[in-house]
Amino acid sequence: MSTDQHTLETRCLSSLVKVFADEPLRERPFVKATALANETFSFQIAYRAKQLLKSIRVRVDSELSDLTTVRAVGLVPSEFPIYHDHDEYVLRTTPGLYPDPLFPVHEEDGLTGFPNQWRAVWVSVALNGQAKPGVYPIRVVFETDAGGKLAEETFELEVIPAELPEQSLIHTEWFHTDCLATYYSVDVFSERHWDIIDHFVRTAVEHGINMILTPLFTPPLDTQIGGERPTVQLVDVYKDGTTYRFGFDRLKRWIDLCDARGVRYFEFSHLFTQWGAKHAPKIVAVENGTERRIFGWDTDATGDDYKQFLAQFLPELIRFIREHRLEGRCFFHVSDEPHSEHLPWYESASGWLKRFLEGFPTIDALSDYAFYERGLVQNPIPASNHIEPFLENGVPNLWTYYCCSQYKEVSNRFFCFPSARNRIIGIQLYKFDIAGFLQWGYNFWYAQYSRRPIDPYRNTDANFAFPSGDAFVVYPGPDGKPVESIRLEVFYEALQDLRALRLLESLIGREKTIALVEEGLDKPITFKEYPRDAEWLLDCRRRINEAIQANAPR
């Protein structure tokens, strides 16, 4: 609450509220919750000034102060919030400024209160098992530059004596190495580039991303036909006629870096082009002392040249995997998002790879059940709005994904969607025992088809291609470090919900866990049917925590 209503008005809110500068704040205060001992718990405090106030200081007074971070919720533009035929589960559809990036609050600048505009700070408490069970008041004080108190809010967090189990879901958000080099104007795989990669991998892992897209060769993803993305090839290739040699030093460095940050799985980039598997990815090689592109859009994927290349490369890669004891951690791709008309090409590509990849899982985003039915992909990844045939047929180790096309009924994380629509995915992944989740845009900072770079602080829709929020969940920050987003944090809350449900299942069983989640609902939860209410989601998590506390061994 404010100490002077004419100076600064404040209100404590949940992490599921999006505070718009040009809208009245209608949400009720949210002032207490529970969390498990190793969770990261977040809430917000909205604030509004009557007149321009600069250099507002924010101070946390709590036994949890050392575990608490306060960030300012920034605003970024969206010119293309959503498609014309969207459903009704949206916050707004107008272009304008949307809350998303989470900026550090610098001591020398503080916050700015704008006249009659609601803004917000994001408060995260990373418990990390460092707080004893109990109730902790978290007092957040807003002060002038001179130390005078403008307002304060107190949030009460109860730490429960139980810990989330390790995440079992395999989760990948496609990591675009070339976008990092382009934005920061550094040479690919220079020492500075490796430093930047390290920062972005670290943030990914801290938010439940435990699989990293690994560019054996430049990934043939979202690339204009006939165009090229910057070369980000981890494997050195040397060509002598029809004979090839390979160097894996950079790949080894990549794996060592990822291992150090806690990455569990490596998702090798696609070995055939997107939308049909008709061509080879861009591959460069040294031939007669000169580096040049040897495969790409002009390469027939079914031709002998590329097949013979793979016949020499894949056994060497498998030898590298086994030498470094990476079995069980490596996944392969054929081609991204093939459709029924691409079956002949995909079948040819898949059949050739099977000769060399026996025992290694192949995963691909595709939603036509025929690809799986014909044995062309071991682990299909159907979109969340096309998953029903795969569920009905009991496909084992089933994954799912969403991208720009999943904008009706199902969960997603566009700027204009409520945060509850982002977070509900955790409960859905649990109920349907989903083994993996894929999303294509961790940091895609190019225009569609990688035609040119964009500034993600000004262009949030890949140059009017995808609704804002589809192409990235982190922004490029200073010093080569990422700026996180509301959407990244809320998705991580969904992953924590999933882990909490796994814990509860270990205590009371799966049937009772699902019954507790669906208690009082008119219809069972599906990927398309679920409560459209943030308060329901917060209350559901409260009930899960209470059940864990009541049933955990003492």
Foldseek 3Di string as FASTA:
>chain_A
DWPDPQAKDKAKFALLDWFFFPDDDDDHGDFEFEDEQQDKGKIKMKMAGQAKAWLKAKDKDKPQRVQKFKWWFDWFWFCAFADPPFDDQWQDGHTDITTKFTHHQDNVTGDIHHRSTITMMMMIGRNRNVDDFDKMKIKMFIAHPVGHTGGIGIHIYGYFHDDFDDFQAAEAAEDQLLLLCVVVVHDAPDPLSVVLVLQLLLVCVVLPNQEYEDECWRAQPLADQVGDGPTNHQKAWADDPLDIDIDRPSVVVVVVSNVVSRRQAYEYGAQAHAAARQFGPFDWYQYPNDIDTDTHSVGGSLDPSSLSVCVNPLVVVVVVCVVVVVQPRYEYEHYEAYDPVRVVNLQSSLVSVCVRQPNHAYEYEYQDCVCVVVPSHLEYAYEQVRCVVVLVVVRPLHHYEDFQVPRYQFADQGSGGRLVSLQCVLVQCQLSVHRYYYAHAAPPQAAGNNPDGHQCSHYQASNNPGNRPRHHQWHQDPPSHTGGISSSVSNSVSSSLNSLLVLLCVQPNDVVSLCLLCPPPPDRDHRRDDDSDPVSVSVSSSSSSVSCSVRPDD
